[in-house]
Structure formats: C-alpha cells, structure tokens
PDB file of N, CA and C in Angstrom:
ATOM      1  N   MET A   1      -5.532  83.916-210.117  1.00  0.00           N
ATOM      2  CA  MET A   1      -5.943  82.815-209.447  1.00  0.00           C
ATOM      3  C   MET A   1      -6.514  81.480-210.531  1.00  0.00           C
ATOM      4  N   LYS A   2      -6.339  80.411-210.158  1.00  0.00           N
ATOM      5  CA  LYS A   2      -6.282  79.438-211.178  1.00  0.00           C
ATOM      6  C   LYS A   2      -8.063  78.641-211.124  1.00  0.00           C
ATOM      7  N   ILE A   3      -8.593  78.446-212.158  1.00  0.00           N
ATOM      8  CA  ILE A   3      -9.744  77.983-211.778  1.00  0.00           C
ATOM      9  C   ILE A   3      -9.928  76.592-212.499  1.00  0.00           C
ATOM     10  N   SER A   4     -10.563  75.552-211.554  1.00  0.00           N
ATOM     11  CA  SER A   4     -10.360  74.028-212.141  1.00  0.00           C
ATOM     12  C   SER A   4     -10.866  73.401-213.279  1.00  0.00           C
ATOM     13  N   GLU A   5     -10.712  72.586-213.983  1.00  0.00           N
ATOM     14  CA  GLU A   5     -10.974  72.129-215.335  1.00  0.00           C
ATOM     15  C   GLU A   5     -12.752  71.822-215.079  1.00  0.00           C
ATOM     16  N   GLU A   6     -12.915  71.339-213.832  1.00  0.00           N
ATOM     17  CA  GLU A   6     -14.631  71.120-213.487  1.00  0.00           C
ATOM     18  C   GLU A   6     -15.366  72.415-213.590  1.00  0.00           C
ATOM     19  N   LYS A   7     -14.823  73.552-213.135  1.00  0.00           N
ATOM     20  CA  LYS A   7     -15.687  74.943-213.101  1.00  0.00           C
ATOM     21  C   LYS A   7     -15.826  75.272-214.601  1.00  0.00           C
ATOM     22  N   LYS A   8     -14.583  75.022-215.379  1.00  0.00           N
ATOM     23  CA  LYS A   8     -14.323  75.398-216.689  1.00  0.00           C
ATOM     24  C   LYS A   8     -15.403  74.623-217.695  1.00  0.00           C
ATOM     25  N   LYS A   9     -15.388  73.418-217.200  1.00  0.00           N
ATOM     26  CA  LYS A   9     -16.192  72.717-218.051  1.00  0.00           C
ATOM     27  C   LYS A   9     -17.894  73.219-217.623  1.00  0.00           C
ATOM     28  N   LYS A  10     -18.119  73.738-216.574  1.00  0.00           N
ATOM     29  CA  LYS A  10     -19.622  74.082-216.083  1.00  0.00           C
ATOM     30  C   LYS A  10     -19.965  75.363-216.404  1.00  0.00           C
ATOM     31  N   ILE A  11     -18.855  75.966-217.177  1.00  0.00           N
ATOM     32  CA  ILE A  11     -18.841  77.600-217.762  1.00  0.00           C
ATOM     33  C   ILE A  11     -18.932  77.171-218.958  1.00  0.00           C
ATOM     34  N   THR A  12     -18.324  76.153-219.524  1.00  0.00           N
ATOM     35  CA  THR A  12     -18.638  76.141-220.975  1.00  0.00           C
ATOM     36  C   THR A  12     -20.176  75.371-221.310  1.00  0.00           C
ATOM     37  N   GLU A  13     -20.676  75.077-220.411  1.00  0.00           N
ATOM     38  CA  GLU A  13     -21.755  74.295-220.443  1.00  0.00           C
ATOM     39  C   GLU A  13     -22.785  75.348-220.453  1.00  0.00           C
ATOM     40  N   GLN A  14     -22.567  76.348-219.412  1.00  0.00           N
ATOM     41  CA  GLN A  14     -23.632  77.656-219.519  1.00  0.00           C
ATOM     42  C   GLN A  14     -23.717  78.439-220.859  1.00  0.00           C
ATOM     43  N   ILE A  15     -22.178  78.478-221.223  1.00  0.00           N
ATOM     44  CA  ILE A  15     -21.883  78.922-222.432  1.00  0.00           C
ATOM     45  C   ILE A  15     -23.143  78.779-223.891  1.00  0.00           C
ATOM     46  N   LEU A  16     -22.604  77.246-223.886  1.00  0.00           N
ATOM     47  CA  LEU A  16     -23.546  76.690-224.902  1.00  0.00           C
ATOM     48  C   LEU A  16     -25.105  76.525-224.556  1.00  0.00           C
ATOM     49  N   ALA A  17     -25.458  76.574-223.387  1.00  0.00           N
ATOM     50  CA  ALA A  17     -26.712  76.867-222.920  1.00  0.00           C
ATOM     51  C   ALA A  17     -27.525  78.260-223.649  1.00  0.00           C
ATOM     52  N   HIS A  18     -26.727  79.366-223.131  1.00  0.00           N
ATOM     53  CA  HIS A  18     -27.266  80.567-223.527  1.00  0.00           C
ATOM     54  C   HIS A  18     -27.124  80.901-224.961  1.00  0.00           C
ATOM     55  N   LEU A  19     -26.195  80.048-225.564  1.00  0.00           N
ATOM     56  CA  LEU A  19     -26.545  80.413-227.147  1.00  0.00           C
ATOM     57  C   LEU A  19     -27.483  79.369-227.909  1.00  0.00           C
ATOM     58  N   TYR A  20     -27.598  78.279-226.834  1.00  0.00           N
ATOM     59  CA  TYR A  20     -28.919  77.510-227.535  1.00  0.00           C
ATOM     60  C   TYR A  20     -30.237  78.570-227.184  1.00  0.00           C
ATOM     61  N   ASN A  21     -30.331  79.041-225.929  1.00  0.00           N
ATOM     62  CA  ASN A  21     -31.646  79.987-225.924  1.00  0.00           C
ATOM     63  C   ASN A  21     -31.671  80.938-226.731  1.00  0.00           C
ATOM     64  N   LEU A  22     -30.745  81.483-227.521  1.00  0.00           N
ATOM     65  CA  LEU A  22     -30.694  82.512-228.404  1.00  0.00           C
ATOM     66  C   LEU A  22     -30.350  82.215-229.637  1.00  0.00           C
ATOM     67  N   ASN A  23     -30.667  80.991-230.027  1.00  0.00           N
ATOM     68  CA  ASN A  23     -30.439  80.492-231.459  1.00  0.00           C
ATOM     69  C   ASN A  23     -31.207  80.975-232.382  1.00  0.00           C
ATOM     70  N   PRO A  24     -31.039  81.550-233.575  1.00  0.00           N
ATOM     71  CA  PRO A  24     -29.932  81.376-234.439  1.00  0.00           C
ATOM     72  C   PRO A  24     -29.174  82.616-233.927  1.00  0.00           C
ATOM     73  N   LYS A  25     -29.516  83.533-233.148  1.00  0.00           N
ATOM     74  CA  LYS A  25     -29.225  85.054-233.016  1.00  0.00           C
ATOM     75  C   LYS A  25     -27.555  84.968-232.636  1.00  0.00           C
ATOM     76  N   PRO A  26     -26.749  85.224-233.353  1.00  0.00           N
ATOM     77  CA  PRO A  26     -25.175  85.328-233.076  1.00  0.00           C
ATOM     78  C   PRO A  26     -25.047  86.462-231.946  1.00  0.00           C
ATOM     79  N   ILE A  27     -24.035  86.195-230.833  1.00  0.00           N
ATOM     80  CA  ILE A  27     -23.972  86.810-229.653  1.00  0.00           C
ATOM     81  C   ILE A  27     -22.718  87.529-229.607  1.00  0.00           C
ATOM     82  N   PHE A  28     -22.347  88.823-229.333  1.00  0.00           N
ATOM     83  CA  PHE A  28     -21.017  89.348-229.025  1.00  0.00           C
ATOM     84  C   PHE A  28     -20.517  88.727-227.810  1.00  0.00           C
ATOM     85  N   THR A  29     -18.956  88.420-227.826  1.00  0.00           N
ATOM     86  CA  THR A  29     -18.220  87.878-226.526  1.00  0.00           C
ATOM     87  C   THR A  29     -18.461  88.686-225.151  1.00  0.00           C
ATOM     88  N   ALA A  30     -18.741  90.205-225.875  1.00  0.00           N
ATOM     89  CA  ALA A  30     -18.843  90.944-224.227  1.00  0.00           C
ATOM     90  C   ALA A  30     -20.367  90.863-223.834  1.00  0.00           C
ATOM     91  N   HIS A  31     -21.336  90.358-224.628  1.00  0.00           N
ATOM     92  CA  HIS A  31     -23.072  90.129-224.030  1.00  0.00           C
ATOM     93  C   HIS A  31     -22.302  88.838-223.170  1.00  0.00           C
ATOM     94  N   ILE A  32     -22.071  87.677-223.893  1.00  0.00           N
ATOM     95  CA  ILE A  32     -21.832  86.523-222.872  1.00  0.00           C
ATOM     96  C   ILE A  32     -21.362  86.628-221.652  1.00  0.00           C
ATOM     97  N   ALA A  33     -20.208  87.208-221.993  1.00  0.00           N
ATOM     98  CA  ALA A  33     -19.479  87.638-220.639  1.00  0.00           C
ATOM     99  C   ALA A  33     -20.158  88.216-219.506  1.00  0.00           C
ATOM    100  N   LYS A  34     -20.922  89.349-219.768  1.00  0.00           N
ATOM    101  CA  LYS A  34     -21.886  90.100-219.079  1.00  0.00           C
ATOM    102  C   LYS A  34     -22.992  89.224-218.256  1.00  0.00           C
ATOM    103  N   GLU A  35     -23.471  88.123-219.330  1.00  0.00           N
ATOM    104  CA  GLU A  35     -24.884  87.372-219.077  1.00  0.00           C
ATOM    105  C   GLU A  35     -24.188  86.402-218.247  1.00  0.00           C
ATOM    106  N   LEU A  36     -23.034  86.011-217.985  1.00  0.00           N
ATOM    107  CA  LEU A  36     -22.781  84.787-217.170  1.00  0.00           C
ATOM    108  C   LEU A  36     -21.604  85.505-216.052  1.00  0.00           C
ATOM    109  N   ALA A  37     -21.548  86.861-216.153  1.00  0.00           N
ATOM    110  CA  ALA A  37     -20.530  87.665-214.934  1.00  0.00           C
ATOM    111  C   ALA A  37     -19.381  87.154-214.906  1.00  0.00           C
ATOM    112  N   ARG A  38     -18.387  86.895-216.280  1.00  0.00           N
ATOM    113  CA  ARG A  38     -17.111  86.272-216.363  1.00  0.00           C
ATOM    114  C   ARG A  38     -16.298  87.522-216.533  1.00  0.00           C
ATOM    115  N   ASP A  39     -15.118  87.510-217.048  1.00  0.00           N
ATOM    116  CA  ASP A  39     -14.168  87.820-217.585  1.00  0.00           C
ATOM    117  C   ASP A  39     -14.345  87.936-219.096  1.00  0.00           C
ATOM    118  N   GLU A  40     -14.172  89.168-219.705  1.00  0.00           N
ATOM    119  CA  GLU A  40     -14.281  88.585-221.398  1.00  0.00           C
ATOM    120  C   GLU A  40     -13.297  87.935-221.818  1.00  0.00           C
ATOM    121  N   GLU A  41     -11.835  88.176-221.663  1.00  0.00           N
ATOM    122  CA  GLU A  41     -10.950  87.371-221.874  1.00  0.00           C
ATOM    123  C   GLU A  41     -10.859  85.825-221.774  1.00  0.00           C
ATOM    124  N   PHE A  42     -11.495  85.718-220.294  1.00  0.00           N
ATOM    125  CA  PHE A  42     -11.943  84.185-219.949  1.00  0.00           C
ATOM    126  C   PHE A  42     -12.601  83.677-220.866  1.00  0.00           C
ATOM    127  N   ILE A  43     -13.542  84.408-221.016  1.00  0.00           N
ATOM    128  CA  ILE A  43     -14.956  83.509-221.877  1.00  0.00           C
ATOM    129  C   ILE A  43     -14.423  83.692-223.440  1.00  0.00           C
ATOM    130  N   LYS A  44     -13.635  84.527-223.707  1.00  0.00           N
ATOM    131  CA  LYS A  44     -12.927  84.192-225.182  1.00  0.00           C
ATOM    132  C   LYS A  44     -12.186  83.208-225.395  1.00  0.00           C
ATOM    133  N   LYS A  45     -11.457  82.955-224.283  1.00  0.00           N
ATOM    134  CA  LYS A  45     -10.759  81.526-224.381  1.00  0.00           C
ATOM    135  C   LYS A  45     -11.293  80.287-224.399  1.00  0.00           C
ATOM    136  N   LEU A  46     -12.673  80.670-223.618  1.00  0.00           N
ATOM    137  CA  LEU A  46     -13.443  79.128-223.630  1.00  0.00           C
ATOM    138  C   LEU A  46     -14.171  78.894-225.408  1.00  0.00           C
ATOM    139  N   LEU A  47     -14.780  80.202-225.700  1.00  0.00           N
ATOM    140  CA  LEU A  47     -15.339  80.251-226.754  1.00  0.00           C
ATOM    141  C   LEU A  47     -14.410  79.433-228.110  1.00  0.00           C
ATOM    142  N   LEU A  48     -13.115  80.028-227.999  1.00  0.00           N
ATOM    143  CA  LEU A  48     -12.050  79.831-229.233  1.00  0.00           C
ATOM    144  C   LEU A  48     -11.923  78.183-228.907  1.00  0.00           C
ATOM    145  N   ASN A  49     -11.783  77.825-227.760  1.00  0.00           N
ATOM    146  CA  ASN A  49     -11.897  76.324-227.344  1.00  0.00           C
ATOM    147  C   ASN A  49     -13.494  75.580-228.216  1.00  0.00           C
ATOM    148  N   LEU A  50     -14.083  75.833-227.786  1.00  0.00           N
ATOM    149  CA  LEU A  50     -15.295  75.252-228.416  1.00  0.00           C
ATOM    150  C   LEU A  50     -15.453  75.523-229.830  1.00  0.00           C
ATOM    151  N   HIS A  51     -14.943  76.777-230.462  1.00  0.00           N
ATOM    152  CA  HIS A  51     -14.866  77.016-232.018  1.00  0.00           C
ATOM    153  C   HIS A  51     -13.902  75.615-232.286  1.00  0.00           C
ATOM    154  N   LYS A  52     -12.874  75.679-231.823  1.00  0.00           N
ATOM    155  CA  LYS A  52     -11.947  74.264-232.334  1.00  0.00           C
ATOM    156  C   LYS A  52     -12.698  73.063-232.421  1.00  0.00           C
ATOM    157  N   LYS A  53     -13.398  72.858-231.535  1.00  0.00           N
ATOM    158  CA  LYS A  53     -14.172  71.573-231.356  1.00  0.00           C
ATOM    159  C   LYS A  53     -15.290  71.432-232.309  1.00  0.00           C
ATOM    160  N   GLY A  54     -15.579  72.646-233.093  1.00  0.00           N
ATOM    161  CA  GLY A  54     -16.731  72.549-234.105  1.00  0.00           C
ATOM    162  C   GLY A  54     -18.046  72.595-233.243  1.00  0.00           C
ATOM    163  N   LEU A  55     -18.105  73.130-232.052  1.00  0.00           N
ATOM    164  CA  LEU A  55     -19.545  73.024-231.365  1.00  0.00           C
ATOM    165  C   LEU A  55     -19.983  74.504-231.604  1.00  0.00           C
ATOM    166  N   ILE A  56     -19.268  75.757-231.896  1.00  0.00           N
ATOM    167  CA  ILE A  56     -20.022  77.116-232.527  1.00  0.00           C
ATOM    168  C   ILE A  56     -19.346  77.454-233.513  1.00  0.00           C
ATOM    169  N   VAL A  57     -19.826  78.750-233.814  1.00  0.00           N
ATOM    170  CA  VAL A  57     -19.568  79.117-235.266  1.00  0.00           C
ATOM    171  C   VAL A  57     -19.190  80.688-234.624  1.00  0.00           C
ATOM    172  N   LYS A  58     -17.638  81.012-235.359  1.00  0.00           N
ATOM    173  CA  LYS A  58     -17.539  82.628-235.297  1.00  0.00           C
ATOM    174  C   LYS A  58     -17.749  83.064-236.118  1.00  0.00           C
ATOM    175  N   ILE A  59     -18.458  84.435-236.034  1.00  0.00           N
ATOM    176  CA  ILE A  59     -18.830  85.263-236.947  1.00  0.00           C
ATOM    177  C   ILE A  59     -18.235  86.522-236.789  1.00  0.00           C
ATOM    178  N   ASP A  60     -17.244  86.688-238.061  1.00  0.00           N
ATOM    179  CA  ASP A  60     -16.329  87.997-237.850  1.00  0.00           C
ATOM    180  C   ASP A  60     -16.692  89.084-238.875  1.00  0.00           C
ATOM    181  N   LYS A  61     -17.942  89.215-239.219  1.00  0.00           N
ATOM    182  CA  LYS A  61     -18.380  90.110-240.368  1.00  0.00           C
ATOM    183  C   LYS A  61     -19.476  90.457-239.725  1.00  0.00           C
ATOM    184  N   ASN A  62     -19.865  91.910-240.099  1.00  0.00           N
ATOM    185  CA  ASN A  62     -21.416  92.496-239.914  1.00  0.00           C
ATOM    186  C   ASN A  62     -22.505  92.179-240.991  1.00  0.00           C
ATOM    187  N   SER A  63     -23.426  92.429-240.884  1.00  0.00           N
ATOM    188  CA  SER A  63     -24.366  92.306-241.846  1.00  0.00           C
ATOM    189  C   SER A  63     -24.249  92.780-242.977  1.00  0.00           C
ATOM    190  N   GLU A  64     -23.438  93.599-243.437  1.00  0.00           N
ATOM    191  CA  GLU A  64     -22.884  94.592-244.606  1.00  0.00           C
ATOM    192  C   GLU A  64     -21.719  93.787-245.295  1.00  0.00           C
ATOM    193  N   GLY A  65     -20.850  92.630-244.446  1.00  0.00           N
ATOM    194  CA  GLY A  65     -19.993  92.007-244.981  1.00  0.00           C
ATOM    195  C   GLY A  65     -18.412  92.695-244.650  1.00  0.00           C
ATOM    196  N   ILE A  66     -18.905  93.505-243.891  1.00  0.00           N
ATOM    197  CA  ILE A  66     -17.360  94.218-243.351  1.00  0.00           C
ATOM    198  C   ILE A  66     -16.749  93.458-242.081  1.00  0.00           C
ATOM    199  N   LYS A  67     -15.554  93.068-242.246  1.00  0.00           N
ATOM    200  CA  LYS A  67     -14.663  92.464-241.307  1.00  0.00           C
ATOM    201  C   LYS A  67     -14.808  93.143-239.945  1.00  0.00           C
ATOM    202  N   TYR A  68     -15.181  92.537-238.602  1.00  0.00           N
ATOM    203  CA  TYR A  68     -14.847  93.330-237.426  1.00  0.00           C
ATOM    204  C   TYR A  68     -13.752  93.703-237.065  1.00  0.00           C
ATOM    205  N   LEU A  69     -13.128  94.581-236.574  1.00  0.00           N
ATOM    206  CA  LEU A  69     -11.741  94.650-236.360  1.00  0.00           C
ATOM    207  C   LEU A  69     -11.383  93.979-234.749  1.00  0.00           C
ATOM    208  N   LYS A  70     -12.035  94.414-233.865  1.00  0.00           N
ATOM    209  CA  LYS A  70     -11.830  93.797-232.466  1.00  0.00           C
ATOM    210  C   LYS A  70     -12.732  93.094-232.213  1.00  0.00           C
ATOM    211  N   ARG A  71     -13.970  92.592-232.356  1.00  0.00           N
ATOM    212  CA  ARG A  71     -14.943  91.830-231.887  1.00  0.00           C
ATOM    213  C   ARG A  71     -15.320  90.646-232.608  1.00  0.00           C
ATOM    214  N   SER A  72     -15.899  89.696-232.171  1.00  0.00           N
ATOM    215  CA  SER A  72     -16.787  88.585-233.107  1.00  0.00           C
ATOM    216  C   SER A  72     -17.916  87.814-232.002  1.00  0.00           C
ATOM    217  N   ARG A  73     -18.974  87.833-232.986  1.00  0.00           N
ATOM    218  CA  ARG A  73     -20.027  87.305-232.570  1.00  0.00           C
ATOM    219  C   ARG A  73     -19.613  85.471-232.603  1.00  0.00           C
ATOM    220  N   TRP A  74     -21.188  85.116-231.688  1.00  0.00           N
ATOM    221  CA  TRP A  74     -20.763  83.841-231.616  1.00  0.00           C
ATOM    222  C   TRP A  74     -22.146  82.971-231.744  1.00  0.00           C
ATOM    223  N   ARG A  75     -22.521  81.831-232.670  1.00  0.00           N
ATOM    224  CA  ARG A  75     -23.640  81.137-232.365  1.00  0.00           C
ATOM    225  C   ARG A  75     -23.394  79.985-232.349  1.00  0.00           C
ATOM    226  N   LEU A  76     -24.340  78.401-232.009  1.00  0.00           N
ATOM    227  CA  LEU A  76     -24.030  77.285-232.029  1.00  0.00           C
ATOM    228  C   LEU A  76     -23.966  76.739-233.555  1.00  0.00           C
ATOM    229  N   SER A  77     -23.220  75.822-233.872  1.00  0.00           N
ATOM    230  CA  SER A  77     -23.306  75.328-234.944  1.00  0.00           C
ATOM    231  C   SER A  77     -24.308  74.464-235.286  1.00  0.00           C
ATOM    232  N   ASP A  78     -24.598  73.986-236.475  1.00  0.00           N
ATOM    233  CA  ASP A  78     -25.574  73.149-236.744  1.00  0.00           C
ATOM    234  C   ASP A  78     -25.649  72.046-236.105  1.00  0.00           C
ATOM    235  N   LYS A  79     -24.590  71.173-236.499  1.00  0.00           N
ATOM    236  CA  LYS A  79     -24.403  69.946-235.808  1.00  0.00           C
ATOM    237  C   LYS A  79     -25.035  69.941-234.166  1.00  0.00           C
ATOM    238  N   ALA A  80     -24.287  70.886-233.512  1.00  0.00           N
ATOM    239  CA  ALA A  80     -24.326  71.164-231.847  1.00  0.00           C
ATOM    240  C   ALA A  80     -25.398  71.176-231.731  1.00  0.00           C
ATOM    241  N   TYR A  81     -26.573  72.382-232.183  1.00  0.00           N
ATOM    242  CA  TYR A  81     -27.671  72.531-232.282  1.00  0.00           C
ATOM    243  C   TYR A  81     -28.738  71.561-232.031  1.00  0.00           C
ATOM    244  N   GLU A  82     -28.770  70.781-233.040  1.00  0.00           N
ATOM    245  CA  GLU A  82     -29.228  69.213-233.470  1.00  0.00           C
ATOM    246  C   GLU A  82     -29.219  68.164-231.857  1.00  0.00           C
ATOM    247  N   VAL A  83     -27.891  68.170-231.638  1.00  0.00           N
ATOM    248  CA  VAL A  83     -27.523  67.308-230.495  1.00  0.00           C
ATOM    249  C   VAL A  83     -28.496  67.902-229.174  1.00  0.00           C
ATOM    250  N   TYR A  84     -27.910  68.938-229.150  1.00  0.00           N
ATOM    251  CA  TYR A  84     -28.673  69.910-227.735  1.00  0.00           C
ATOM    252  C   TYR A  84     -30.290  70.040-227.808  1.00  0.00           C
ATOM    253  N   HIS A  85     -30.649  69.823-229.329  1.00  0.00           N
ATOM    254  CA  HIS A  85     -32.292  69.805-229.525  1.00  0.00           C
ATOM    255  C   HIS A  85     -32.558  68.731-229.079  1.00  0.00           C
ATOM    256  N   LYS A  86     -31.880  67.398-229.145  1.00  0.00           N
ATOM    257  CA  LYS A  86     -32.413  66.662-229.063  1.00  0.00           C
ATOM    258  C   LYS A  86     -32.664  65.669-227.388  1.00  0.00           C
ATOM    259  N   HIS A  87     -31.681  66.328-226.547  1.00  0.00           N
ATOM    260  CA  HIS A  87     -31.599  66.212-225.235  1.00  0.00           C
ATOM    261  C   HIS A  87     -32.047  67.250-224.541  1.00  0.00           C
ATOM    262  N   GLN A  88     -33.254  68.153-225.043  1.00  0.00           N
ATOM    263  CA  GLN A  88     -33.729  69.095-223.869  1.00  0.00           C
ATOM    264  C   GLN A  88     -35.307  68.294-224.043  1.00  0.00           C
TER     265      GLN A  88
END
C-alpha cells in the first residue's frame, strides 16, 4: 500500500509536534511509532528525512557515551524548536 505525499506530510507534522511537546527529552523511534500508531520502519524513514533537513537531531549514544547498536533517539533541533515556539 502506498501512502500519498500529503499524508506523509501530515504524519511528519505529527512527529514534529510530538517532539516539540516532549522537548528537550530525546525519544526513541519505537516510542514515536507507538504514539502515532504507525510502523517503526515507516517512522524511521520519515525521521531520517527530517534529520537530513536539519529539523531534528539524532542521538545514537546513551547517557554514558556508549553507542546504541540498533536504535536511536530523536529530539527537535534548536533552530526548529525556536521556529515552532514562535508559531505556538
């Protein structure tokens, strides 16, 4: 099943809103997927696209500095937070 670009854009907006509400706490991909009731791989693809655009920051190390092997956490970039905050 193919998802239209319009629906992808709306889901992306939901991701950004969720990250904004929980800012500055970084969130795991699985948590975002569960919250939005979407497939993890689909959400990961959208997150990587947002990361390329500079809207979110990927955190791939835990609090002790050890790199995660299979998962990532995400948070809004400072620039995106400022823009989002002005429009709220």
